[in-house]
Amino acid sequence: MGVALTGVTSFCIYALFTKNDVMLNHHSKIPPWEKSIDEVNPKVIKYIII
């Protein structure tokens, strides 16, 4: 149990500090897919159904 706990803890620390897709504070950074959204000038999606 101790070895498994050590492995899990070390992997969590590794993932938090080295991987770009793991975020600790979600409010300080805007995800890349939300940066292109312009709230002032919204876009309308038009669909053509055949």
PDB file of N, CA and C in Angstrom:
ATOM      1  N   MET A   1       0.827  -1.190   0.000  1.00  0.00           N
ATOM      2  CA  MET A   1       0.000   0.000   0.000  1.00  0.00           C
ATOM      3  C   MET A   1       0.868   1.249   0.000  1.00  0.00           C
ATOM      4  N   GLY A   2       1.942   1.206   0.717  1.00  0.00           N
ATOM      5  CA  GLY A   2       2.824   2.369   0.799  1.00  0.00           C
ATOM      6  C   GLY A   2       3.481   2.697  -0.535  1.00  0.00           C
ATOM      7  N   VAL A   3       3.864   1.645  -1.266  1.00  0.00           N
ATOM      8  CA  VAL A   3       4.485   1.850  -2.581  1.00  0.00           C
ATOM      9  C   VAL A   3       3.471   2.429  -3.557  1.00  0.00           C
ATOM     10  N   ALA A   4       2.247   1.934  -3.517  1.00  0.00           N
ATOM     11  CA  ALA A   4       1.203   2.458  -4.400  1.00  0.00           C
ATOM     12  C   ALA A   4       0.884   3.913  -4.068  1.00  0.00           C
ATOM     13  N   LEU A   5       0.809   4.254  -2.798  1.00  0.00           N
ATOM     14  CA  LEU A   5       0.539   5.628  -2.387  1.00  0.00           C
ATOM     15  C   LEU A   5       1.659   6.566  -2.818  1.00  0.00           C
ATOM     16  N   THR A   6       2.887   6.109  -2.695  1.00  0.00           N
ATOM     17  CA  THR A   6       4.032   6.908  -3.130  1.00  0.00           C
ATOM     18  C   THR A   6       4.006   7.127  -4.641  1.00  0.00           C
ATOM     19  N   GLY A   7       3.663   6.098  -5.393  1.00  0.00           N
ATOM     20  CA  GLY A   7       3.590   6.222  -6.845  1.00  0.00           C
ATOM     21  C   GLY A   7       2.492   7.177  -7.286  1.00  0.00           C
ATOM     22  N   VAL A   8       1.338   7.083  -6.663  1.00  0.00           N
ATOM     23  CA  VAL A   8       0.223   7.961  -7.015  1.00  0.00           C
ATOM     24  C   VAL A   8       0.559   9.411  -6.678  1.00  0.00           C
ATOM     25  N   THR A   9       1.135   9.624  -5.527  1.00  0.00           N
ATOM     26  CA  THR A   9       1.496  10.973  -5.106  1.00  0.00           C
ATOM     27  C   THR A   9       2.548  11.577  -6.026  1.00  0.00           C
ATOM     28  N   SER A  10       3.544  10.800  -6.366  1.00  0.00           N
ATOM     29  CA  SER A  10       4.595  11.322  -7.243  1.00  0.00           C
ATOM     30  C   SER A  10       4.052  11.601  -8.644  1.00  0.00           C
ATOM     31  N   PHE A  11       3.142  10.772  -9.143  1.00  0.00           N
ATOM     32  CA  PHE A  11       2.569  11.033 -10.456  1.00  0.00           C
ATOM     33  C   PHE A  11       1.700  12.282 -10.435  1.00  0.00           C
ATOM     34  N   CYS A  12       0.949  12.505  -9.364  1.00  0.00           N
ATOM     35  CA  CYS A  12       0.120  13.717  -9.263  1.00  0.00           C
ATOM     36  C   CYS A  12       0.985  14.964  -9.260  1.00  0.00           C
ATOM     37  N   ILE A  13       2.057  14.942  -8.504  1.00  0.00           N
ATOM     38  CA  ILE A  13       2.969  16.094  -8.480  1.00  0.00           C
ATOM     39  C   ILE A  13       3.599  16.303  -9.848  1.00  0.00           C
ATOM     40  N   TYR A  14       4.015  15.232 -10.494  1.00  0.00           N
ATOM     41  CA  TYR A  14       4.579  15.314 -11.846  1.00  0.00           C
ATOM     42  C   TYR A  14       3.575  15.903 -12.825  1.00  0.00           C
ATOM     43  N   ALA A  15       2.328  15.444 -12.786  1.00  0.00           N
ATOM     44  CA  ALA A  15       1.312  15.913 -13.720  1.00  0.00           C
ATOM     45  C   ALA A  15       0.969  17.375 -13.485  1.00  0.00           C
ATOM     46  N   LEU A  16       0.914  17.806 -12.236  1.00  0.00           N
ATOM     47  CA  LEU A  16       0.553  19.198 -11.943  1.00  0.00           C
ATOM     48  C   LEU A  16       1.622  20.183 -12.391  1.00  0.00           C
ATOM     49  N   PHE A  17       2.874  19.806 -12.315  1.00  0.00           N
ATOM     50  CA  PHE A  17       3.939  20.759 -12.602  1.00  0.00           C
ATOM     51  C   PHE A  17       4.547  20.627 -13.994  1.00  0.00           C
ATOM     52  N   THR A  18       4.304  19.553 -14.713  1.00  0.00           N
ATOM     53  CA  THR A  18       4.947  19.402 -16.014  1.00  0.00           C
ATOM     54  C   THR A  18       3.986  19.351 -17.194  1.00  0.00           C
ATOM     55  N   LYS A  19       2.739  19.000 -16.982  1.00  0.00           N
ATOM     56  CA  LYS A  19       1.807  18.882 -18.099  1.00  0.00           C
ATOM     57  C   LYS A  19       1.048  20.195 -18.283  1.00  0.00           C
ATOM     58  N   ASN A  20       0.923  20.640 -19.547  1.00  0.00           N
ATOM     59  CA  ASN A  20       0.276  21.910 -19.845  1.00  0.00           C
ATOM     60  C   ASN A  20      -1.240  21.842 -19.734  1.00  0.00           C
ATOM     61  N   ASP A  21      -1.833  20.672 -19.913  1.00  0.00           N
ATOM     62  CA  ASP A  21      -3.288  20.572 -19.910  1.00  0.00           C
ATOM     63  C   ASP A  21      -3.872  20.418 -18.502  1.00  0.00           C
ATOM     64  N   VAL A  22      -3.042  20.312 -17.479  1.00  0.00           N
ATOM     65  CA  VAL A  22      -3.511  20.226 -16.104  1.00  0.00           C
ATOM     66  C   VAL A  22      -3.387  21.618 -15.483  1.00  0.00           C
ATOM     67  N   MET A  23      -4.519  22.190 -15.025  1.00  0.00           N
ATOM     68  CA  MET A  23      -4.517  23.535 -14.482  1.00  0.00           C
ATOM     69  C   MET A  23      -4.943  23.515 -13.022  1.00  0.00           C
ATOM     70  N   LEU A  24      -4.192  24.207 -12.163  1.00  0.00           N
ATOM     71  CA  LEU A  24      -4.556  24.302 -10.757  1.00  0.00           C
ATOM     72  C   LEU A  24      -5.577  25.409 -10.525  1.00  0.00           C
ATOM     73  N   ASN A  25      -5.386  26.553 -11.175  1.00  0.00           N
ATOM     74  CA  ASN A  25      -6.269  27.699 -10.999  1.00  0.00           C
ATOM     75  C   ASN A  25      -6.944  27.985 -12.336  1.00  0.00           C
ATOM     76  N   HIS A  26      -8.210  27.637 -12.459  1.00  0.00           N
ATOM     77  CA  HIS A  26      -8.911  27.770 -13.732  1.00  0.00           C
ATOM     78  C   HIS A  26      -9.326  29.206 -14.020  1.00  0.00           C
ATOM     79  N   HIS A  27      -9.335  30.072 -13.024  1.00  0.00           N
ATOM     80  CA  HIS A  27      -9.823  31.432 -13.218  1.00  0.00           C
ATOM     81  C   HIS A  27      -8.764  32.365 -13.782  1.00  0.00           C
ATOM     82  N   SER A  28      -7.500  32.053 -13.617  1.00  0.00           N
ATOM     83  CA  SER A  28      -6.457  32.970 -14.068  1.00  0.00           C
ATOM     84  C   SER A  28      -6.132  32.807 -15.547  1.00  0.00           C
ATOM     85  N   LYS A  29      -6.333  31.632 -16.100  1.00  0.00           N
ATOM     86  CA  LYS A  29      -5.993  31.395 -17.502  1.00  0.00           C
ATOM     87  C   LYS A  29      -7.257  31.061 -18.284  1.00  0.00           C
ATOM     88  N   ILE A  30      -7.344  31.616 -19.483  1.00  0.00           N
ATOM     89  CA  ILE A  30      -8.467  31.318 -20.371  1.00  0.00           C
ATOM     90  C   ILE A  30      -8.026  30.198 -21.307  1.00  0.00           C
ATOM     91  N   PRO A  31      -8.820  29.136 -21.435  1.00  0.00           N
ATOM     92  CA  PRO A  31      -8.451  28.059 -22.365  1.00  0.00           C
ATOM     93  C   PRO A  31      -8.378  28.580 -23.807  1.00  0.00           C
ATOM     94  N   PRO A  32      -7.529  27.982 -24.639  1.00  0.00           N
ATOM     95  CA  PRO A  32      -7.339  28.478 -26.001  1.00  0.00           C
ATOM     96  C   PRO A  32      -8.619  28.466 -26.840  1.00  0.00           C
ATOM     97  N   TRP A  33      -9.524  27.529 -26.591  1.00  0.00           N
ATOM     98  CA  TRP A  33     -10.731  27.466 -27.394  1.00  0.00           C
ATOM     99  C   TRP A  33     -11.737  28.549 -27.003  1.00  0.00           C
ATOM    100  N   GLU A  34     -11.526  29.222 -25.867  1.00  0.00           N
ATOM    101  CA  GLU A  34     -12.421  30.297 -25.470  1.00  0.00           C
ATOM    102  C   GLU A  34     -11.855  31.675 -25.781  1.00  0.00           C
ATOM    103  N   LYS A  35     -10.607  31.766 -26.223  1.00  0.00           N
ATOM    104  CA  LYS A  35      -9.995  33.051 -26.524  1.00  0.00           C
ATOM    105  C   LYS A  35     -10.583  33.687 -27.772  1.00  0.00           C
ATOM    106  N   SER A  36     -11.050  32.888 -28.700  1.00  0.00           N
ATOM    107  CA  SER A  36     -11.548  33.422 -29.962  1.00  0.00           C
ATOM    108  C   SER A  36     -13.007  33.850 -29.889  1.00  0.00           C
ATOM    109  N   ILE A  37     -13.652  33.726 -28.737  1.00  0.00           N
ATOM    110  CA  ILE A  37     -15.056  34.099 -28.596  1.00  0.00           C
ATOM    111  C   ILE A  37     -15.150  35.597 -28.323  1.00  0.00           C
ATOM    112  N   ASP A  38     -15.896  36.288 -29.182  1.00  0.00           N
ATOM    113  CA  ASP A  38     -16.124  37.712 -29.010  1.00  0.00           C
ATOM    114  C   ASP A  38     -17.537  37.897 -28.483  1.00  0.00           C
ATOM    115  N   GLU A  39     -17.662  38.294 -27.217  1.00  0.00           N
ATOM    116  CA  GLU A  39     -18.983  38.422 -26.604  1.00  0.00           C
ATOM    117  C   GLU A  39     -19.730  39.654 -27.092  1.00  0.00           C
ATOM    118  N   VAL A  40     -19.003  40.653 -27.592  1.00  0.00           N
ATOM    119  CA  VAL A  40     -19.641  41.882 -28.059  1.00  0.00           C
ATOM    120  C   VAL A  40     -20.309  41.657 -29.414  1.00  0.00           C
ATOM    121  N   ASN A  41     -19.657  40.901 -30.285  1.00  0.00           N
ATOM    122  CA  ASN A  41     -20.169  40.671 -31.630  1.00  0.00           C
ATOM    123  C   ASN A  41     -20.377  39.167 -31.836  1.00  0.00           C
ATOM    124  N   PRO A  42     -21.503  38.620 -31.381  1.00  0.00           N
ATOM    125  CA  PRO A  42     -21.708  37.176 -31.502  1.00  0.00           C
ATOM    126  C   PRO A  42     -21.933  36.743 -32.954  1.00  0.00           C
ATOM    127  N   LYS A  43     -21.508  35.557 -33.259  1.00  0.00           N
ATOM    128  CA  LYS A  43     -21.690  34.973 -34.593  1.00  0.00           C
ATOM    129  C   LYS A  43     -22.916  34.083 -34.596  1.00  0.00           C
ATOM    130  N   VAL A  44     -23.589  34.052 -35.735  1.00  0.00           N
ATOM    131  CA  VAL A  44     -24.766  33.217 -35.880  1.00  0.00           C
ATOM    132  C   VAL A  44     -24.384  32.047 -36.792  1.00  0.00           C
ATOM    133  N   ILE A  45     -24.706  30.859 -36.359  1.00  0.00           N
ATOM    134  CA  ILE A  45     -24.427  29.672 -37.163  1.00  0.00           C
ATOM    135  C   ILE A  45     -25.676  29.359 -37.971  1.00  0.00           C
ATOM    136  N   LYS A  46     -25.483  29.251 -39.272  1.00  0.00           N
ATOM    137  CA  LYS A  46     -26.616  28.952 -40.152  1.00  0.00           C
ATOM    138  C   LYS A  46     -26.451  27.535 -40.688  1.00  0.00           C
ATOM    139  N   TYR A  47     -27.527  26.792 -40.633  1.00  0.00           N
ATOM    140  CA  TYR A  47     -27.518  25.423 -41.106  1.00  0.00           C
ATOM    141  C   TYR A  47     -28.412  25.295 -42.327  1.00  0.00           C
ATOM    142  N   ILE A  48     -27.974  24.492 -43.262  1.00  0.00           N
ATOM    143  CA  ILE A  48     -28.814  24.132 -44.421  1.00  0.00           C
ATOM    144  C   ILE A  48     -29.089  22.643 -44.303  1.00  0.00           C
ATOM    145  N   ILE A  49     -30.346  22.305 -44.106  1.00  0.00           N
ATOM    146  CA  ILE A  49     -30.744  20.906 -43.951  1.00  0.00           C
ATOM    147  C   ILE A  49     -31.310  20.430 -45.276  1.00  0.00           C
ATOM    148  N   ILE A  50     -30.717  19.394 -45.804  1.00  0.00           N
ATOM    149  CA  ILE A  50     -31.171  18.859 -47.096  1.00  0.00           C
ATOM    150  C   ILE A  50     -31.906  17.563 -46.847  1.00  0.00           C
TER     151      ILE A  50
END
